[in-house]
Amino acid sequence: MPKANTSTTSPQVNQTFDQLDEELQLLLEHLSSDDEEIRDLAEEIFSELIPQLEKKIDGYVAIIQKKKAHRDYRKSEAQRINKLAQNDEATIDWLTEKLLSFMERRVETLGEKGKKLEGMFSKISLCANGGKPSVWINRDLPTLDFPEEYVEFIPTLNTQKLAEDAIASPEGEILDEKGQLLAKVMPKGRHIRIS
């Protein structure tokens, strides 16, 4: 067994998880050494490393919890502001519709000269919308009741059936007749539980 590096200093707080993990793996190897001197040195470094690792974990968890709190607050604020914007939008639509109805009644009563109106600080005009004319389509009819020339048949991938068949297959995958991989069962992801 190789000699332990006696120049190894105690772990630094700024070591990354990967560095701490590498050092921990090396120490675990040396802890089972037949050489008592190597074992003693490994135990001494190990006793210094564990608190550093615990501190690093606590630091990560503290940052995660803080970021979760910030995220939740920001999401809540975003929802609140979005609701205010939706209320403003509804008010704008309602007031604009009222003004439009008023101007349309004016034109019915006064003709062309009723298309424009001035306030103290603003002017409004009743204008026809530009672009293509809007077309009403009877959405109450089922699509297949329309003539064939107006119906599009768009192929869609049945991902649910592909997934079910891949899970049910002994190999965990679906191949086409050319041997191309179409679907494959993937290993489940992992997550950490913080408590």
N, C-alpha and C. Protein backbone atom coordinates (compact mmCIF):
# COMPACT_ATOMS: atom_id res chain seq x y z
N MET A 1 0.85 -1.18 0.00
CA MET A 1 0.00 0.00 0.00
C MET A 1 0.88 1.22 0.00
N PRO A 2 0.51 2.26 -0.85
CA PRO A 2 1.35 3.46 -0.89
C PRO A 2 1.30 4.22 0.41
N LYS A 3 2.38 4.91 0.67
CA LYS A 3 2.47 5.72 1.90
C LYS A 3 1.51 6.89 1.81
N ALA A 4 0.92 7.23 2.94
CA ALA A 4 0.04 8.39 2.96
C ALA A 4 0.87 9.64 2.79
N ASN A 5 0.31 10.64 2.14
CA ASN A 5 0.99 11.90 1.93
C ASN A 5 1.00 12.67 3.25
N THR A 6 2.14 12.70 3.90
CA THR A 6 2.24 13.35 5.22
C THR A 6 2.20 14.86 5.10
N SER A 7 2.33 15.38 3.85
CA SER A 7 2.28 16.83 3.68
C SER A 7 0.84 17.32 3.55
N THR A 8 -0.13 16.38 3.58
CA THR A 8 -1.53 16.77 3.45
C THR A 8 -1.93 17.64 4.62
N THR A 9 -2.48 18.78 4.29
CA THR A 9 -2.94 19.69 5.34
C THR A 9 -4.42 19.46 5.56
N SER A 10 -4.94 20.04 6.63
CA SER A 10 -6.36 19.87 6.90
C SER A 10 -7.17 20.53 5.79
N PRO A 11 -8.35 19.96 5.49
CA PRO A 11 -9.15 20.47 4.38
C PRO A 11 -9.55 21.93 4.58
N GLN A 12 -9.59 22.65 3.49
CA GLN A 12 -9.96 24.06 3.53
C GLN A 12 -11.47 24.20 3.34
N VAL A 13 -12.01 25.27 3.89
CA VAL A 13 -13.45 25.52 3.79
C VAL A 13 -13.86 25.72 2.34
N ASN A 14 -12.96 26.29 1.53
CA ASN A 14 -13.32 26.60 0.16
C ASN A 14 -13.14 25.44 -0.81
N GLN A 15 -12.91 24.24 -0.32
CA GLN A 15 -12.83 23.06 -1.19
C GLN A 15 -14.20 22.77 -1.77
N THR A 16 -14.21 22.28 -3.01
CA THR A 16 -15.49 21.92 -3.64
C THR A 16 -15.93 20.55 -3.13
N PHE A 17 -17.19 20.22 -3.39
CA PHE A 17 -17.69 18.90 -3.02
C PHE A 17 -16.85 17.81 -3.67
N ASP A 18 -16.47 18.01 -4.94
CA ASP A 18 -15.68 17.00 -5.64
C ASP A 18 -14.32 16.80 -4.97
N GLN A 19 -13.70 17.90 -4.57
CA GLN A 19 -12.40 17.79 -3.89
C GLN A 19 -12.55 17.08 -2.54
N LEU A 20 -13.59 17.46 -1.79
CA LEU A 20 -13.83 16.81 -0.50
C LEU A 20 -14.12 15.33 -0.68
N ASP A 21 -14.89 14.99 -1.72
CA ASP A 21 -15.23 13.59 -1.99
C ASP A 21 -13.99 12.79 -2.35
N GLU A 22 -13.13 13.36 -3.19
CA GLU A 22 -11.88 12.67 -3.57
C GLU A 22 -11.02 12.41 -2.33
N GLU A 23 -10.91 13.42 -1.48
CA GLU A 23 -10.10 13.28 -0.27
C GLU A 23 -10.72 12.23 0.65
N LEU A 24 -12.03 12.23 0.74
CA LEU A 24 -12.72 11.26 1.58
C LEU A 24 -12.48 9.84 1.08
N GLN A 25 -12.55 9.63 -0.24
CA GLN A 25 -12.31 8.30 -0.81
C GLN A 25 -10.88 7.83 -0.52
N LEU A 26 -9.94 8.75 -0.66
CA LEU A 26 -8.53 8.42 -0.39
C LEU A 26 -8.33 8.06 1.08
N LEU A 27 -8.96 8.84 1.96
CA LEU A 27 -8.84 8.57 3.40
C LEU A 27 -9.46 7.22 3.76
N LEU A 28 -10.59 6.88 3.16
CA LEU A 28 -11.24 5.60 3.46
C LEU A 28 -10.34 4.43 3.08
N GLU A 29 -9.62 4.60 1.97
CA GLU A 29 -8.66 3.56 1.58
C GLU A 29 -7.55 3.43 2.63
N HIS A 30 -7.05 4.56 3.11
CA HIS A 30 -5.95 4.55 4.07
C HIS A 30 -6.40 4.11 5.47
N LEU A 31 -7.68 4.30 5.78
CA LEU A 31 -8.19 3.88 7.10
C LEU A 31 -8.14 2.36 7.27
N SER A 32 -8.15 1.64 6.14
CA SER A 32 -8.08 0.18 6.24
C SER A 32 -6.66 -0.35 6.01
N SER A 33 -5.68 0.54 6.10
CA SER A 33 -4.28 0.17 5.87
C SER A 33 -3.76 -0.73 7.01
N ASP A 34 -2.78 -1.57 6.68
CA ASP A 34 -2.12 -2.40 7.69
C ASP A 34 -1.08 -1.58 8.47
N ASP A 35 -0.67 -0.49 7.88
CA ASP A 35 0.34 0.37 8.51
C ASP A 35 -0.35 1.28 9.53
N GLU A 36 0.02 1.12 10.81
CA GLU A 36 -0.63 1.87 11.89
C GLU A 36 -0.39 3.38 11.74
N GLU A 37 0.79 3.76 11.29
CA GLU A 37 1.11 5.18 11.13
C GLU A 37 0.19 5.82 10.07
N ILE A 38 0.00 5.09 8.98
CA ILE A 38 -0.88 5.59 7.90
C ILE A 38 -2.32 5.69 8.42
N ARG A 39 -2.74 4.64 9.16
CA ARG A 39 -4.11 4.64 9.72
C ARG A 39 -4.31 5.82 10.67
N ASP A 40 -3.35 6.06 11.56
CA ASP A 40 -3.46 7.16 12.52
C ASP A 40 -3.56 8.52 11.81
N LEU A 41 -2.70 8.71 10.80
CA LEU A 41 -2.72 9.96 10.05
C LEU A 41 -4.06 10.12 9.31
N ALA A 42 -4.54 9.02 8.71
CA ALA A 42 -5.81 9.06 7.98
C ALA A 42 -6.96 9.39 8.92
N GLU A 43 -6.95 8.80 10.15
CA GLU A 43 -8.01 9.08 11.12
C GLU A 43 -7.98 10.55 11.56
N GLU A 44 -6.79 11.08 11.72
CA GLU A 44 -6.67 12.49 12.14
C GLU A 44 -7.24 13.42 11.06
N ILE A 45 -6.85 13.16 9.80
CA ILE A 45 -7.35 13.99 8.70
C ILE A 45 -8.85 13.78 8.52
N PHE A 46 -9.29 12.51 8.68
CA PHE A 46 -10.71 12.18 8.54
C PHE A 46 -11.54 12.96 9.57
N SER A 47 -11.06 13.05 10.79
CA SER A 47 -11.79 13.76 11.85
C SER A 47 -11.88 15.26 11.56
N GLU A 48 -10.92 15.79 10.78
CA GLU A 48 -10.97 17.20 10.38
C GLU A 48 -11.84 17.40 9.14
N LEU A 49 -11.88 16.36 8.29
CA LEU A 49 -12.60 16.46 7.02
C LEU A 49 -14.12 16.43 7.21
N ILE A 50 -14.59 15.56 8.11
CA ILE A 50 -16.04 15.39 8.29
C ILE A 50 -16.73 16.70 8.67
N PRO A 51 -16.21 17.46 9.66
CA PRO A 51 -16.87 18.74 9.96
C PRO A 51 -16.89 19.70 8.77
N GLN A 52 -15.80 19.66 7.96
CA GLN A 52 -15.77 20.53 6.77
C GLN A 52 -16.85 20.12 5.78
N LEU A 53 -17.01 18.80 5.61
CA LEU A 53 -18.04 18.28 4.71
C LEU A 53 -19.43 18.65 5.22
N GLU A 54 -19.64 18.50 6.52
CA GLU A 54 -20.93 18.86 7.12
C GLU A 54 -21.21 20.35 6.94
N LYS A 55 -20.17 21.17 7.11
CA LYS A 55 -20.33 22.62 6.95
C LYS A 55 -20.68 22.95 5.50
N LYS A 56 -20.04 22.25 4.58
CA LYS A 56 -20.30 22.47 3.15
C LYS A 56 -21.75 22.10 2.83
N ILE A 57 -22.22 20.96 3.35
CA ILE A 57 -23.61 20.52 3.11
C ILE A 57 -24.58 21.55 3.69
N ASP A 58 -24.32 21.97 4.93
CA ASP A 58 -25.19 22.97 5.56
C ASP A 58 -25.22 24.26 4.75
N GLY A 59 -24.07 24.65 4.20
CA GLY A 59 -24.01 25.85 3.37
C GLY A 59 -24.86 25.72 2.11
N TYR A 60 -24.74 24.56 1.46
CA TYR A 60 -25.53 24.32 0.25
C TYR A 60 -27.03 24.35 0.58
N VAL A 61 -27.41 23.64 1.64
CA VAL A 61 -28.82 23.56 2.02
C VAL A 61 -29.35 24.95 2.37
N ALA A 62 -28.55 25.75 3.09
CA ALA A 62 -28.98 27.10 3.47
C ALA A 62 -29.22 27.95 2.22
N ILE A 63 -28.33 27.85 1.25
CA ILE A 63 -28.49 28.62 0.01
C ILE A 63 -29.73 28.13 -0.75
N ILE A 64 -29.91 26.81 -0.83
CA ILE A 64 -31.09 26.25 -1.52
C ILE A 64 -32.36 26.75 -0.87
N GLN A 65 -32.43 26.70 0.47
CA GLN A 65 -33.64 27.13 1.18
C GLN A 65 -33.89 28.62 0.96
N LYS A 66 -32.82 29.41 0.99
CA LYS A 66 -32.95 30.86 0.78
C LYS A 66 -33.46 31.14 -0.63
N LYS A 67 -32.89 30.43 -1.61
CA LYS A 67 -33.31 30.62 -3.00
C LYS A 67 -34.75 30.17 -3.20
N LYS A 68 -35.16 29.10 -2.51
CA LYS A 68 -36.55 28.65 -2.60
C LYS A 68 -37.49 29.72 -2.06
N ALA A 69 -37.11 30.34 -0.95
CA ALA A 69 -37.94 31.40 -0.37
C ALA A 69 -38.04 32.58 -1.33
N HIS A 70 -36.90 32.96 -1.93
CA HIS A 70 -36.91 34.04 -2.92
C HIS A 70 -37.78 33.68 -4.11
N ARG A 71 -37.63 32.43 -4.60
CA ARG A 71 -38.42 31.99 -5.75
C ARG A 71 -39.90 32.07 -5.44
N ASP A 72 -40.29 31.55 -4.26
CA ASP A 72 -41.72 31.55 -3.90
C ASP A 72 -42.25 32.97 -3.78
N TYR A 73 -41.45 33.87 -3.17
CA TYR A 73 -41.88 35.26 -3.05
C TYR A 73 -42.03 35.90 -4.43
N ARG A 74 -41.04 35.67 -5.28
CA ARG A 74 -41.09 36.28 -6.62
C ARG A 74 -42.24 35.72 -7.44
N LYS A 75 -42.50 34.41 -7.33
CA LYS A 75 -43.64 33.83 -8.04
C LYS A 75 -44.94 34.46 -7.55
N SER A 76 -45.06 34.61 -6.23
CA SER A 76 -46.25 35.20 -5.65
C SER A 76 -46.41 36.65 -6.11
N GLU A 77 -45.29 37.40 -6.12
CA GLU A 77 -45.35 38.79 -6.59
C GLU A 77 -45.69 38.85 -8.08
N ALA A 78 -45.11 37.93 -8.85
CA ALA A 78 -45.39 37.90 -10.29
C ALA A 78 -46.87 37.62 -10.53
N GLN A 79 -47.45 36.69 -9.75
CA GLN A 79 -48.88 36.40 -9.89
C GLN A 79 -49.71 37.61 -9.51
N ARG A 80 -49.31 38.29 -8.43
CA ARG A 80 -50.06 39.47 -7.98
C ARG A 80 -50.01 40.57 -9.04
N ILE A 81 -48.81 40.83 -9.58
CA ILE A 81 -48.65 41.88 -10.59
C ILE A 81 -49.37 41.48 -11.88
N ASN A 82 -49.29 40.20 -12.23
CA ASN A 82 -49.98 39.73 -13.43
C ASN A 82 -51.49 39.91 -13.28
N LYS A 83 -52.02 39.64 -12.07
CA LYS A 83 -53.45 39.83 -11.83
C LYS A 83 -53.82 41.30 -11.96
N LEU A 84 -52.97 42.19 -11.44
CA LEU A 84 -53.22 43.63 -11.58
C LEU A 84 -53.22 44.04 -13.06
N ALA A 85 -52.25 43.49 -13.82
CA ALA A 85 -52.18 43.80 -15.25
C ALA A 85 -53.43 43.28 -15.97
N GLN A 86 -53.91 42.09 -15.59
CA GLN A 86 -55.13 41.55 -16.19
C GLN A 86 -56.34 42.43 -15.87
N ASN A 87 -56.39 42.93 -14.61
CA ASN A 87 -57.48 43.85 -14.24
C ASN A 87 -57.41 45.12 -15.07
N ASP A 88 -56.18 45.66 -15.24
CA ASP A 88 -56.02 46.85 -16.09
C ASP A 88 -56.46 46.57 -17.52
N GLU A 89 -56.07 45.40 -18.02
CA GLU A 89 -56.44 45.00 -19.39
C GLU A 89 -57.95 44.94 -19.54
N ALA A 90 -58.63 44.35 -18.55
CA ALA A 90 -60.09 44.24 -18.60
C ALA A 90 -60.73 45.63 -18.57
N THR A 91 -60.18 46.53 -17.74
CA THR A 91 -60.70 47.90 -17.66
C THR A 91 -60.50 48.63 -18.98
N ILE A 92 -59.30 48.48 -19.57
CA ILE A 92 -59.01 49.11 -20.87
C ILE A 92 -60.00 48.62 -21.92
N ASP A 93 -60.19 47.29 -21.97
CA ASP A 93 -61.12 46.72 -22.96
C ASP A 93 -62.53 47.25 -22.76
N TRP A 94 -62.98 47.29 -21.50
CA TRP A 94 -64.34 47.73 -21.20
C TRP A 94 -64.54 49.20 -21.60
N LEU A 95 -63.58 50.07 -21.20
CA LEU A 95 -63.69 51.50 -21.53
C LEU A 95 -63.60 51.73 -23.04
N THR A 96 -62.69 50.99 -23.71
CA THR A 96 -62.55 51.13 -25.16
C THR A 96 -63.83 50.71 -25.86
N GLU A 97 -64.42 49.61 -25.40
CA GLU A 97 -65.68 49.13 -26.00
C GLU A 97 -66.80 50.15 -25.81
N LYS A 98 -66.84 50.75 -24.61
CA LYS A 98 -67.86 51.79 -24.34
C LYS A 98 -67.67 52.97 -25.30
N LEU A 99 -66.43 53.41 -25.47
CA LEU A 99 -66.13 54.53 -26.36
C LEU A 99 -66.46 54.18 -27.81
N LEU A 100 -66.13 52.96 -28.24
CA LEU A 100 -66.44 52.50 -29.59
C LEU A 100 -67.95 52.51 -29.83
N SER A 101 -68.69 51.97 -28.87
CA SER A 101 -70.17 51.94 -29.01
C SER A 101 -70.72 53.36 -29.12
N PHE A 102 -70.18 54.27 -28.30
CA PHE A 102 -70.62 55.65 -28.33
C PHE A 102 -70.37 56.27 -29.71
N MET A 103 -69.14 56.04 -30.24
CA MET A 103 -68.79 56.61 -31.54
C MET A 103 -69.63 56.01 -32.66
N GLU A 104 -69.91 54.72 -32.58
CA GLU A 104 -70.75 54.09 -33.61
C GLU A 104 -72.17 54.68 -33.59
N ARG A 105 -72.71 54.93 -32.40
CA ARG A 105 -74.04 55.56 -32.29
C ARG A 105 -74.00 56.99 -32.85
N ARG A 106 -72.89 57.68 -32.59
CA ARG A 106 -72.72 59.04 -33.11
C ARG A 106 -72.77 59.06 -34.63
N VAL A 107 -72.05 58.10 -35.25
CA VAL A 107 -72.01 58.03 -36.71
C VAL A 107 -73.40 57.72 -37.26
N GLU A 108 -74.12 56.82 -36.57
CA GLU A 108 -75.49 56.51 -37.00
C GLU A 108 -76.37 57.77 -36.97
N THR A 109 -76.15 58.60 -35.97
CA THR A 109 -76.96 59.81 -35.80
C THR A 109 -76.48 60.95 -36.68
N LEU A 110 -75.16 61.22 -36.71
CA LEU A 110 -74.62 62.40 -37.38
C LEU A 110 -73.99 62.11 -38.74
N GLY A 111 -73.83 60.85 -39.09
CA GLY A 111 -73.17 60.50 -40.34
C GLY A 111 -71.66 60.66 -40.24
N GLU A 112 -71.02 60.95 -41.38
CA GLU A 112 -69.55 61.03 -41.46
C GLU A 112 -68.95 62.04 -40.49
N LYS A 113 -69.65 63.17 -40.26
CA LYS A 113 -69.07 64.17 -39.37
C LYS A 113 -69.03 63.71 -37.91
N GLY A 114 -69.73 62.60 -37.59
CA GLY A 114 -69.69 62.05 -36.24
C GLY A 114 -68.51 61.13 -35.99
N LYS A 115 -67.66 60.91 -37.02
CA LYS A 115 -66.52 59.98 -36.88
C LYS A 115 -65.39 60.53 -36.02
N LYS A 116 -65.35 61.85 -35.83
CA LYS A 116 -64.25 62.45 -35.06
C LYS A 116 -64.83 63.23 -33.89
N LEU A 117 -64.05 63.19 -32.80
CA LEU A 117 -64.48 63.89 -31.60
C LEU A 117 -63.23 64.36 -30.86
N GLU A 118 -63.27 65.57 -30.36
CA GLU A 118 -62.12 66.11 -29.64
C GLU A 118 -62.51 66.41 -28.21
N GLY A 119 -61.60 66.06 -27.31
CA GLY A 119 -61.74 66.45 -25.91
C GLY A 119 -60.80 67.62 -25.65
N MET A 120 -60.58 67.95 -24.39
CA MET A 120 -59.67 69.04 -24.07
C MET A 120 -58.22 68.68 -24.43
N PHE A 121 -57.85 67.42 -24.20
CA PHE A 121 -56.45 67.02 -24.40
C PHE A 121 -56.27 65.86 -25.37
N SER A 122 -57.34 65.38 -25.96
CA SER A 122 -57.21 64.21 -26.83
C SER A 122 -58.22 64.26 -27.96
N LYS A 123 -57.95 63.46 -28.99
CA LYS A 123 -58.85 63.34 -30.15
C LYS A 123 -59.10 61.86 -30.38
N ILE A 124 -60.29 61.52 -30.81
CA ILE A 124 -60.59 60.14 -31.19
C ILE A 124 -61.28 60.15 -32.55
N SER A 125 -61.05 59.08 -33.30
CA SER A 125 -61.68 58.91 -34.61
C SER A 125 -62.17 57.49 -34.72
N LEU A 126 -63.31 57.30 -35.34
CA LEU A 126 -63.84 55.96 -35.61
C LEU A 126 -63.29 55.52 -36.95
N CYS A 127 -62.50 54.47 -36.98
CA CYS A 127 -61.82 54.02 -38.20
C CYS A 127 -62.18 52.57 -38.49
N ALA A 128 -62.13 52.21 -39.77
CA ALA A 128 -62.32 50.81 -40.17
C ALA A 128 -61.00 50.09 -39.96
N ASN A 129 -61.06 48.86 -39.51
CA ASN A 129 -59.85 48.06 -39.31
C ASN A 129 -59.20 47.77 -40.65
N GLY A 130 -57.87 47.73 -40.66
CA GLY A 130 -57.13 47.40 -41.87
C GLY A 130 -56.93 45.90 -41.99
N GLY A 131 -56.18 45.49 -42.99
CA GLY A 131 -55.87 44.07 -43.18
C GLY A 131 -57.01 43.32 -43.84
N LYS A 132 -56.91 42.02 -43.83
CA LYS A 132 -57.94 41.18 -44.45
C LYS A 132 -59.23 41.26 -43.66
N PRO A 133 -60.35 41.12 -44.35
CA PRO A 133 -61.62 41.14 -43.60
C PRO A 133 -61.73 39.89 -42.74
N SER A 134 -62.40 40.02 -41.59
CA SER A 134 -62.59 38.85 -40.74
C SER A 134 -63.69 37.98 -41.33
N VAL A 135 -63.57 36.69 -41.13
CA VAL A 135 -64.53 35.72 -41.66
C VAL A 135 -65.09 34.91 -40.51
N TRP A 136 -66.41 34.83 -40.43
CA TRP A 136 -67.07 34.00 -39.42
C TRP A 136 -67.12 32.57 -39.93
N ILE A 137 -66.70 31.63 -39.09
CA ILE A 137 -66.75 30.20 -39.44
C ILE A 137 -67.63 29.52 -38.41
N ASN A 138 -68.54 28.69 -38.87
CA ASN A 138 -69.49 28.02 -37.98
C ASN A 138 -68.76 26.94 -37.18
N ARG A 139 -68.36 27.27 -35.97
CA ARG A 139 -67.63 26.35 -35.10
C ARG A 139 -68.57 25.35 -34.42
N ASP A 140 -69.89 25.55 -34.60
CA ASP A 140 -70.85 24.60 -34.01
C ASP A 140 -70.90 23.30 -34.80
N LEU A 141 -70.53 23.35 -36.07
CA LEU A 141 -70.53 22.15 -36.91
C LEU A 141 -69.31 21.29 -36.61
N PRO A 142 -69.46 19.97 -36.56
CA PRO A 142 -68.27 19.11 -36.42
C PRO A 142 -67.37 19.27 -37.65
N THR A 143 -66.07 19.16 -37.44
CA THR A 143 -65.10 19.35 -38.53
C THR A 143 -65.41 18.46 -39.73
N LEU A 144 -65.79 17.21 -39.49
CA LEU A 144 -66.02 16.27 -40.60
C LEU A 144 -67.31 16.57 -41.37
N ASP A 145 -68.14 17.50 -40.90
CA ASP A 145 -69.33 17.91 -41.65
C ASP A 145 -69.00 18.93 -42.74
N PHE A 146 -67.78 19.51 -42.69
CA PHE A 146 -67.36 20.43 -43.73
C PHE A 146 -66.93 19.63 -44.96
N PRO A 147 -67.04 20.22 -46.15
CA PRO A 147 -66.54 19.52 -47.35
C PRO A 147 -65.05 19.19 -47.20
N GLU A 148 -64.64 18.10 -47.85
CA GLU A 148 -63.28 17.57 -47.71
C GLU A 148 -62.19 18.59 -48.03
N GLU A 149 -62.48 19.50 -48.99
CA GLU A 149 -61.47 20.49 -49.39
C GLU A 149 -61.11 21.45 -48.25
N TYR A 150 -61.99 21.55 -47.23
CA TYR A 150 -61.74 22.47 -46.12
C TYR A 150 -61.21 21.77 -44.87
N VAL A 151 -60.99 20.48 -44.96
CA VAL A 151 -60.54 19.72 -43.78
C VAL A 151 -59.11 19.28 -43.98
N GLU A 152 -58.26 19.56 -42.99
CA GLU A 152 -56.86 19.13 -43.03
C GLU A 152 -56.69 17.91 -42.14
N PHE A 153 -55.97 16.94 -42.65
CA PHE A 153 -55.64 15.77 -41.84
C PHE A 153 -54.14 15.81 -41.57
N ILE A 154 -53.79 16.15 -40.36
CA ILE A 154 -52.38 16.31 -39.99
C ILE A 154 -51.94 15.10 -39.19
N PRO A 155 -50.92 14.37 -39.68
CA PRO A 155 -50.45 13.21 -38.90
C PRO A 155 -49.82 13.65 -37.59
N THR A 156 -50.17 12.95 -36.53
CA THR A 156 -49.57 13.25 -35.23
C THR A 156 -48.97 11.97 -34.66
N LEU A 157 -47.94 12.13 -33.88
CA LEU A 157 -47.26 11.00 -33.27
C LEU A 157 -47.99 10.58 -32.01
N ASN A 158 -48.32 9.29 -31.91
CA ASN A 158 -49.00 8.78 -30.72
C ASN A 158 -47.93 8.42 -29.69
N THR A 159 -47.46 9.44 -28.96
CA THR A 159 -46.37 9.24 -28.00
C THR A 159 -46.79 8.36 -26.83
N GLN A 160 -48.07 8.43 -26.47
CA GLN A 160 -48.55 7.61 -25.35
C GLN A 160 -48.45 6.11 -25.70
N LYS A 161 -48.86 5.73 -26.93
CA LYS A 161 -48.78 4.33 -27.34
C LYS A 161 -47.32 3.88 -27.45
N LEU A 162 -46.47 4.75 -28.00
CA LEU A 162 -45.04 4.42 -28.09
C LEU A 162 -44.46 4.15 -26.71
N ALA A 163 -44.79 5.01 -25.74
CA ALA A 163 -44.28 4.85 -24.38
C ALA A 163 -44.80 3.56 -23.76
N GLU A 164 -46.09 3.29 -23.92
CA GLU A 164 -46.69 2.06 -23.35
C GLU A 164 -46.05 0.81 -23.95
N ASP A 165 -45.86 0.82 -25.28
CA ASP A 165 -45.27 -0.34 -25.96
C ASP A 165 -43.80 -0.53 -25.56
N ALA A 166 -43.07 0.56 -25.39
CA ALA A 166 -41.66 0.46 -24.98
C ALA A 166 -41.56 -0.13 -23.58
N ILE A 167 -42.44 0.32 -22.68
CA ILE A 167 -42.44 -0.21 -21.31
C ILE A 167 -42.81 -1.68 -21.30
N ALA A 168 -43.76 -2.07 -22.17
CA ALA A 168 -44.23 -3.45 -22.21
C ALA A 168 -43.25 -4.40 -22.92
N SER A 169 -42.34 -3.85 -23.75
CA SER A 169 -41.43 -4.73 -24.50
C SER A 169 -40.35 -5.28 -23.58
N PRO A 170 -39.92 -6.54 -23.82
CA PRO A 170 -38.90 -7.15 -22.96
C PRO A 170 -37.56 -6.39 -22.99
N GLU A 171 -37.22 -5.81 -24.16
CA GLU A 171 -35.95 -5.09 -24.28
C GLU A 171 -36.06 -3.65 -23.80
N GLY A 172 -37.28 -3.19 -23.59
CA GLY A 172 -37.47 -1.80 -23.15
C GLY A 172 -37.28 -0.80 -24.26
N GLU A 173 -37.45 -1.25 -25.52
CA GLU A 173 -37.30 -0.33 -26.64
C GLU A 173 -38.13 -0.77 -27.83
N ILE A 174 -38.39 0.16 -28.74
CA ILE A 174 -39.15 -0.11 -29.96
C ILE A 174 -38.26 0.25 -31.15
N LEU A 175 -38.13 -0.68 -32.08
CA LEU A 175 -37.36 -0.46 -33.31
C LEU A 175 -38.29 -0.55 -34.50
N ASP A 176 -37.99 0.20 -35.58
CA ASP A 176 -38.79 0.06 -36.80
C ASP A 176 -38.24 -1.10 -37.63
N GLU A 177 -38.84 -1.31 -38.81
CA GLU A 177 -38.42 -2.45 -39.64
C GLU A 177 -36.99 -2.31 -40.16
N LYS A 178 -36.45 -1.09 -40.16
CA LYS A 178 -35.05 -0.86 -40.58
C LYS A 178 -34.08 -0.99 -39.42
N GLY A 179 -34.61 -1.19 -38.23
CA GLY A 179 -33.76 -1.31 -37.05
C GLY A 179 -33.45 0.01 -36.37
N GLN A 180 -34.11 1.08 -36.81
CA GLN A 180 -33.90 2.38 -36.17
C GLN A 180 -34.63 2.43 -34.83
N LEU A 181 -33.98 2.99 -33.85
CA LEU A 181 -34.57 3.11 -32.53
C LEU A 181 -35.65 4.19 -32.55
N LEU A 182 -36.88 3.81 -32.19
CA LEU A 182 -38.00 4.75 -32.15
C LEU A 182 -38.28 5.25 -30.74
N ALA A 183 -38.17 4.35 -29.78
CA ALA A 183 -38.45 4.73 -28.39
C ALA A 183 -37.68 3.79 -27.47
N LYS A 184 -37.33 4.30 -26.30
CA LYS A 184 -36.52 3.51 -25.37
C LYS A 184 -36.87 3.94 -23.94
N VAL A 185 -37.01 2.97 -23.05
CA VAL A 185 -37.28 3.26 -21.65
C VAL A 185 -35.99 3.82 -21.04
N MET A 186 -36.10 4.98 -20.42
CA MET A 186 -34.93 5.63 -19.83
C MET A 186 -34.92 5.37 -18.32
N PRO A 187 -33.73 5.35 -17.71
CA PRO A 187 -33.67 5.16 -16.26
C PRO A 187 -34.33 6.35 -15.56
N LYS A 188 -34.93 6.06 -14.41
CA LYS A 188 -35.57 7.13 -13.65
C LYS A 188 -34.52 8.11 -13.14
N GLY A 189 -34.89 9.37 -13.12
CA GLY A 189 -34.00 10.40 -12.59
C GLY A 189 -33.91 10.30 -11.07
N ARG A 190 -33.05 11.07 -10.49
CA ARG A 190 -32.89 11.06 -9.03
C ARG A 190 -33.10 12.48 -8.52
N HIS A 191 -33.40 12.58 -7.27
CA HIS A 191 -33.54 13.88 -6.63
C HIS A 191 -33.05 13.75 -5.19
N ILE A 192 -32.81 14.88 -4.57
CA ILE A 192 -32.43 14.85 -3.17
C ILE A 192 -33.58 15.36 -2.34
N ARG A 193 -33.72 14.80 -1.16
CA ARG A 193 -34.73 15.27 -0.21
C ARG A 193 -34.01 16.04 0.86
N ILE A 194 -34.39 17.29 1.05
CA ILE A 194 -33.75 18.14 2.05
C ILE A 194 -34.66 18.24 3.25
N SER A 195 -34.13 17.94 4.42
CA SER A 195 -34.94 18.05 5.63
C SER A 195 -34.15 18.72 6.74
